[in-house]
Protein backbone atom coordinates (compact mmCIF):
# COMPACT_ATOMS: atom_id res chain seq x y z
CA MET A 1 85.19 143.22 80.79
CA SER A 2 85.10 140.56 77.87
CA THR A 3 86.65 137.20 78.31
CA ALA A 4 89.19 137.95 75.71
CA THR A 5 90.70 140.90 77.72
CA ILE A 6 91.00 139.17 80.95
CA ARG A 7 94.80 138.83 81.97
CA ARG A 8 95.34 135.68 83.67
CA PHE A 9 98.22 134.00 85.47
CA ASP A 10 98.80 130.60 86.50
CA VAL A 11 101.52 130.39 89.30
CA CYS A 12 102.70 127.19 90.62
CA ASN A 13 105.61 125.07 92.18
CA GLY A 14 107.40 123.32 89.31
CA ASP A 15 106.95 119.79 90.91
CA ALA A 16 104.21 117.35 90.26
CA ASP A 17 101.81 118.65 92.88
CA GLY A 18 101.94 122.20 91.36
CA LEU A 19 102.00 121.50 87.66
CA CYS A 20 99.27 118.97 87.77
CA ALA A 21 97.05 120.98 90.07
CA VAL A 22 97.27 123.73 87.30
CA ARG A 23 96.45 121.04 84.75
CA GLN A 24 93.38 119.88 86.71
CA TRP A 25 91.85 123.34 86.96
CA ARG A 26 92.63 124.32 83.40
CA LEU A 27 90.90 121.14 82.06
CA HIS A 28 87.93 122.19 84.37
CA GLU A 29 87.98 125.95 83.27
CA PRO A 30 89.83 126.12 79.95
CA ALA A 31 91.37 129.68 79.37
CA ALA A 32 94.53 131.31 78.15
CA ALA A 33 96.92 132.25 80.96
CA THR A 34 100.65 133.20 81.39
CA LEU A 35 102.39 130.37 83.47
CA ILE A 36 104.84 131.25 86.19
CA THR A 37 106.70 128.49 87.79
CA GLY A 38 110.20 127.24 88.70
CA GLY A 39 112.26 124.63 90.61
CA LYS A 40 111.30 122.91 93.74
CA ARG A 41 112.74 125.72 95.96
CA ASP A 42 111.22 128.61 93.92
CA ILE A 43 108.74 129.43 96.46
CA GLU A 44 108.06 133.22 96.31
CA LEU A 45 106.86 133.09 92.77
CA LEU A 46 103.69 135.17 93.17
CA GLY A 47 106.01 138.30 93.22
CA ARG A 48 106.77 137.72 89.58
CA VAL A 49 102.92 138.52 88.66
CA PRO A 50 102.85 142.32 88.05
CA PRO A 51 99.79 143.53 90.28
CA ASP A 52 98.79 146.17 87.74
CA SER A 53 98.62 143.74 84.97
CA ALA A 54 96.81 140.81 86.45
CA ASP A 55 92.77 140.49 86.47
CA GLU A 56 92.72 136.75 87.63
CA VAL A 57 95.57 134.62 89.45
CA LEU A 58 95.35 130.70 89.91
CA VAL A 59 97.97 129.88 92.57
CA CYS A 60 98.94 126.24 93.29
CA ASP A 61 101.19 124.64 95.76
CA LEU A 62 103.02 127.66 96.92
CA SER A 63 103.27 128.74 100.64
CA MET A 64 100.68 131.70 101.53
CA ARG A 65 103.01 132.64 104.29
CA ARG A 66 106.12 132.97 101.94
CA ASN A 67 103.89 134.79 99.29
CA ARG A 68 101.73 136.94 101.54
CA ALA A 69 103.07 140.51 100.69
CA ALA A 70 102.70 139.73 96.78
CA LEU A 71 99.17 138.29 97.53
CA ASP A 72 98.23 141.44 99.42
CA ALA A 73 99.51 143.64 96.63
CA LEU A 74 97.43 141.66 93.97
CA LEU A 75 94.25 141.83 95.92
CA ALA A 76 94.78 145.75 96.49
CA ALA A 77 95.24 146.36 92.74
CA GLY A 78 92.02 144.40 92.17
CA ALA A 79 93.00 141.13 91.15
CA ALA A 80 90.77 138.10 91.85
CA VAL A 81 93.01 135.20 93.36
CA ARG A 82 92.16 131.42 93.53
CA TYR A 83 94.48 129.81 96.01
CA PHE A 84 95.14 126.11 96.44
CA ASP A 85 97.76 124.81 98.77
CA HIS A 86 98.68 122.45 101.74
CA HIS A 87 101.28 124.26 103.40
CA ALA A 88 100.94 126.22 106.85
CA PRO A 89 99.62 129.50 105.50
CA GLY A 90 99.87 131.94 108.36
CA GLU A 91 97.00 134.20 108.87
CA VAL A 92 94.68 133.75 105.69
CA PRO A 93 93.25 137.00 104.45
CA ILE A 94 89.64 137.61 104.41
CA HIS A 95 88.85 139.35 101.12
CA ALA A 96 86.04 139.34 98.53
CA ARG A 97 88.38 138.57 95.79
CA LEU A 98 90.20 135.69 97.51
CA ASP A 99 88.93 132.21 97.05
CA ALA A 100 91.40 130.22 99.35
CA HIS A 101 91.36 126.33 99.58
CA ILE A 102 94.04 125.32 102.02
CA ASP A 103 94.41 122.10 104.01
CA GLU A 104 97.38 121.39 106.10
CA SER A 105 96.60 117.67 106.59
CA ALA A 106 99.53 115.57 106.21
CA THR A 107 97.65 113.22 104.11
CA THR A 108 96.69 115.44 101.32
CA CYS A 109 98.36 117.54 98.75
CA THR A 110 97.40 120.45 96.57
CA CYS A 111 96.17 118.07 93.58
CA LEU A 112 93.99 116.06 96.14
CA ILE A 113 92.46 119.55 97.29
CA VAL A 114 91.69 120.58 93.61
CA ASP A 115 90.25 116.96 93.06
CA ASP A 116 87.90 117.32 96.05
CA LEU A 117 86.60 120.42 94.65
CA LEU A 118 86.22 119.04 91.03
CA LYS A 119 84.71 115.72 92.59
CA GLY A 120 87.27 113.82 90.73
CA ALA A 121 86.73 115.08 87.09
CA SER A 122 90.56 114.71 86.49
CA ARG A 123 91.25 112.09 89.09
CA HIS A 124 94.24 110.65 87.05
CA TRP A 125 96.00 114.12 87.26
CA ALA A 126 95.40 114.21 90.94
CA LEU A 127 97.08 110.76 91.31
CA VAL A 128 100.14 111.99 89.60
CA GLY A 129 100.60 114.84 91.99
CA ALA A 130 99.79 112.75 94.87
CA TYR A 131 102.38 110.09 93.95
CA GLY A 132 104.77 112.68 93.21
CA ASP A 133 104.17 114.13 96.74
CA ASN A 134 104.99 110.66 98.16
CA LEU A 135 101.19 110.05 99.31
CA THR A 136 101.73 106.57 97.83
CA ALA A 137 99.37 104.59 100.11
CA ARG A 138 96.64 107.20 99.60
CA ALA A 139 97.18 107.19 95.87
CA ASP A 140 97.37 103.43 95.55
CA ALA A 141 94.07 103.25 97.40
CA MET A 142 92.44 105.96 95.10
CA ALA A 143 93.84 104.14 92.06
CA ARG A 144 92.08 101.06 93.03
CA ASP A 145 88.83 102.77 93.83
CA ALA A 146 89.01 104.23 90.41
CA GLY A 147 89.32 100.88 88.77
CA LEU A 148 92.88 101.53 87.46
CA THR A 149 95.04 98.26 86.72
CA PRO A 150 98.40 97.98 88.65
CA LEU A 151 100.17 98.76 85.41
CA GLN A 152 98.02 102.07 84.96
CA ALA A 153 98.82 103.00 88.46
CA LEU A 154 102.51 102.37 88.00
CA GLN A 155 102.45 104.56 85.09
CA LEU A 156 100.85 107.45 87.09
CA ARG A 157 103.32 106.83 89.94
CA GLN A 158 106.28 106.88 87.57
CA LEU A 159 105.27 110.18 85.85
CA GLY A 160 104.76 111.91 89.17
CA GLU A 161 107.96 110.82 90.55
CA ALA A 162 109.88 111.94 87.33
CA ILE A 163 108.31 115.32 87.52
CA ASN A 164 109.30 115.82 91.10
CA TYR A 165 112.91 114.51 90.18
CA ASN A 166 112.92 117.15 87.62
CA ALA A 167 111.97 119.91 90.04
CA TYR A 168 115.14 119.31 92.20
CA ASP A 169 117.53 119.82 89.33
CA GLU A 170 117.41 123.61 89.81
CA SER A 171 121.09 123.90 90.83
CA THR A 172 122.87 122.19 87.65
CA HIS A 173 119.99 121.75 84.96
CA ALA A 174 122.41 118.89 83.83
CA ALA A 175 119.48 116.48 83.13
CA GLY A 176 116.44 118.40 83.85
CA VAL A 177 113.88 120.35 81.92
CA ASP A 178 112.43 123.78 82.51
CA ALA A 179 109.23 123.51 84.63
CA ALA A 180 107.45 125.76 82.05
CA GLN A 181 108.37 123.46 79.20
CA LEU A 182 107.54 120.26 81.12
CA TYR A 183 104.09 121.82 81.68
CA ARG A 184 103.71 122.58 78.04
CA LEU A 185 104.34 118.90 77.39
CA LEU A 186 101.83 117.79 79.98
CA SER A 187 99.03 120.03 78.73
CA CYS A 188 99.15 118.32 75.47
CA TRP A 189 97.31 115.40 77.11
CA VAL A 190 93.90 115.18 78.57
CA ASP A 191 94.66 112.14 80.49
CA PRO A 192 98.12 111.34 81.70
CA LEU A 193 98.06 107.74 81.31
CA GLY A 194 100.65 106.71 78.63
CA ILE A 195 102.69 109.82 78.71
CA ILE A 196 105.73 108.15 80.59
CA GLU A 197 105.64 105.77 77.47
CA HIS A 198 104.85 108.16 74.68
CA GLU A 199 106.69 111.52 75.68
CA PRO A 200 110.70 110.71 75.43
CA ILE A 201 111.54 113.33 77.94
CA PHE A 202 109.75 111.60 80.79
CA THR A 203 111.11 108.21 79.75
CA ALA A 204 114.56 109.81 80.14
CA LEU A 205 113.83 111.49 83.44
CA HIS A 206 112.55 108.18 84.79
CA ARG A 207 115.89 106.48 83.79
CA ARG A 208 118.08 109.07 85.08
CA ARG A 209 116.20 109.27 88.38
CA ILE A 210 116.73 105.56 88.85
CA GLU A 211 120.61 105.84 88.00
CA ASP A 212 120.88 108.59 90.54
CA LEU A 213 118.98 106.63 93.03
CA LYS A 214 121.39 103.81 92.92
CA HIS A 215 124.38 106.14 93.92
CA ALA A 216 122.28 107.21 97.10
CA LEU A 217 121.30 103.84 98.09
CA ASP A 218 124.98 102.75 98.48
CA LEU A 219 125.30 105.46 101.14
CA LYS A 220 125.50 104.66 104.88
CA PRO A 221 123.71 106.83 107.43
CA LEU A 222 125.30 109.79 109.02
CA GLN A 223 123.30 109.36 112.08
CA ALA A 224 120.63 106.64 112.97
CA GLY A 225 118.60 106.74 115.91
CA GLU A 226 115.31 105.16 117.09
CA SER A 227 112.92 107.64 115.58
CA ALA A 228 115.10 109.37 113.02
CA VAL A 229 117.88 108.87 110.35
CA ALA A 230 120.17 111.28 108.75
CA TRP A 231 122.04 110.87 105.40
CA LEU A 232 124.74 113.05 103.83
CA LEU A 233 124.94 113.42 99.99
CA PRO A 234 128.17 114.74 98.48
CA ALA A 235 128.46 117.95 96.61
CA THR A 236 127.79 116.22 93.26
CA GLU A 237 125.32 116.86 90.38
CA TRP A 238 123.34 113.63 90.88
CA ALA A 239 123.11 114.42 94.50
CA HIS A 240 121.43 117.75 93.66
CA ARG A 241 119.06 115.95 91.49
CA VAL A 242 118.09 113.04 93.75
CA ILE A 243 117.73 114.55 97.28
CA GLY A 244 113.99 114.57 97.14
CA THR A 245 113.85 111.09 95.55
CA PHE A 246 116.13 109.80 97.93
CA GLY A 247 114.27 111.16 101.02
CA ASN A 248 110.93 109.81 99.65
CA GLU A 249 112.42 106.12 98.98
CA ARG A 250 113.90 106.25 102.51
CA ALA A 251 110.48 107.34 104.02
CA GLN A 252 108.82 104.55 102.21
CA ALA A 253 111.40 101.89 103.16
CA ASP A 254 111.57 102.90 106.89
CA PRO A 255 107.92 104.25 107.64
CA ALA A 256 108.35 104.42 111.43
CA ARG A 257 111.54 106.83 111.46
CA ALA A 258 112.00 110.40 110.15
CA GLN A 259 114.48 110.77 107.21
CA ALA A 260 116.60 113.80 106.98
CA VAL A 261 118.67 114.02 103.85
CA LEU A 262 121.61 116.66 103.85
CA LEU A 263 123.33 117.80 100.77
CA GLN A 264 126.82 119.31 101.23
CA LEU A 265 126.95 122.72 99.83
CA LYS A 266 130.27 124.53 98.49
CA PRO A 267 131.98 126.21 100.02
CA SER A 268 130.13 125.16 103.32
CA GLY A 269 126.74 124.43 104.79
CA TYR A 270 124.19 122.08 103.95
CA ARG A 271 120.71 121.72 101.96
CA VAL A 272 118.16 119.69 104.10
CA SER A 273 115.08 117.73 102.88
CA LEU A 274 113.26 116.20 105.68
CA ARG A 275 110.54 113.73 105.83
CA ALA A 276 108.58 112.87 108.91
CA PRO A 277 107.79 109.27 109.70
CA ILE A 278 105.13 108.07 107.39
CA ALA A 279 103.52 106.36 110.29
CA THR A 280 103.05 109.66 112.11
CA PRO A 281 103.37 112.27 109.43
CA ALA A 282 103.86 115.43 111.54
CA GLY A 283 106.57 117.60 112.89
CA ALA A 284 108.80 118.25 109.72
CA ALA A 285 107.82 122.01 109.21
CA ALA A 286 108.04 122.70 113.04
CA LEU A 287 111.64 121.25 113.06
CA CYS A 288 112.84 123.16 109.87
CA ARG A 289 111.33 126.71 110.96
CA ARG A 290 114.11 126.21 113.97
CA PHE A 291 116.68 126.44 111.67
CA GLY A 292 115.40 128.79 108.81
CA GLY A 293 113.48 126.48 106.86
CA ASP A 294 109.86 125.74 106.20
CA GLY A 295 107.45 123.26 104.72
CA ARG A 296 104.43 121.17 105.80
CA ALA A 297 103.90 118.60 108.46
CA GLY A 298 105.01 115.62 106.46
CA ALA A 299 107.71 117.09 104.57
CA ALA A 300 110.01 120.19 104.91
CA GLY A 301 113.36 121.61 104.11
CA ILE A 302 116.07 123.96 104.80
CA ASP A 303 117.74 125.87 102.02
CA CYS A 304 121.12 126.42 103.86
CA LEU A 305 121.86 124.92 107.32
CA ALA A 306 125.05 126.78 108.49
CA GLN A 307 127.99 124.37 109.22
CA ASP A 308 128.20 125.49 112.73
CA ARG A 309 124.49 124.32 113.16
CA LEU A 310 124.85 121.00 112.04
CA ALA A 311 125.29 119.43 115.22
CA ALA A 312 122.20 121.15 116.76
CA PHE A 313 119.99 119.96 113.97
CA LEU A 314 121.31 116.49 114.41
CA GLN A 315 120.63 116.67 118.09
CA ALA A 316 117.15 118.21 117.45
CA LEU A 317 116.31 115.55 114.90
CA ASP A 318 117.35 112.63 117.15
CA THR A 319 115.31 114.05 120.13
CA THR A 320 112.18 115.27 118.44
CA SER A 321 108.82 113.80 119.47
CA TRP A 322 107.03 112.93 115.99
CA THR A 323 103.55 113.37 117.23
CA VAL A 324 100.53 115.54 115.79
CA ASP A 325 100.20 117.24 119.06
CA ALA A 326 103.89 118.20 119.33
CA SER A 327 103.64 119.57 116.00
CA ARG A 328 100.65 121.58 116.42
CA ARG A 329 102.04 123.23 119.77
CA GLY A 330 105.52 123.70 118.26
CA ALA A 331 106.77 122.04 121.33
CA LEU A 332 109.57 119.96 119.70
CA THR A 333 112.10 118.95 122.05
């Protein structure tokens, strides 16, 4: 099969980690591909790839557990799949056409997994993804090791945070940009330094993010315990957009406690964004799975927590032991 006839698909989460991971790989291996992406909670994206129309598929920052049926179908149809992710995958299939790079460590993300494989060839893009995924301490250290100035590191952080903020705007799209359109803008740049200053949409997203965050920072906790804090956001447009950003901000400001941000949904129920304590980043996914959610050790979520399960969730949050061993056993109390 000639290169010109290979049918490629790039499939990724529409946040900074997903989009920047694809950008890293396409700088390493330039090729035309159909991009399939979406909002922060558009997880089951692999099913949008027609199995009989794909020869090569790149997957970045999507739970294999949630996409297993689609993955099996693609492999059975003859597609070669390269898979990068940091969520708990379930059982990873052993297949000659599957090249899986999965690391569940709480201190990594998809961009850093790609960065390791490419030996830092597009390190600045990896930093954008790491900052967007709230791995601030590790990203800061990597930025210093790479010789970046504090201003350059700040630019990469603001870009990652702006992309992630945009990914949470899936409900209203009042301020956001389609993730595929955002990627087209990112792909015009070989190096992300300077994007936040020279691409107006990223400047606008950064400014709107700061404005929305001011609303959230005025809130009082719904519940505050020794090891965890819960916050309740109102059913407003700004709250839909800022839920992830606010969770990250609170996690950085209070690293010893878990942060659960609940968003009031109409007519009832809550969306939950959970951050494990940065000091002990484990247990978030295990807790959320008990209530129908999923995620990874350091950060997880619940799409819709029923009204009548709120009290049980808050009790579980308050009594969870945020330790690595408890997370691995699933023995959260």
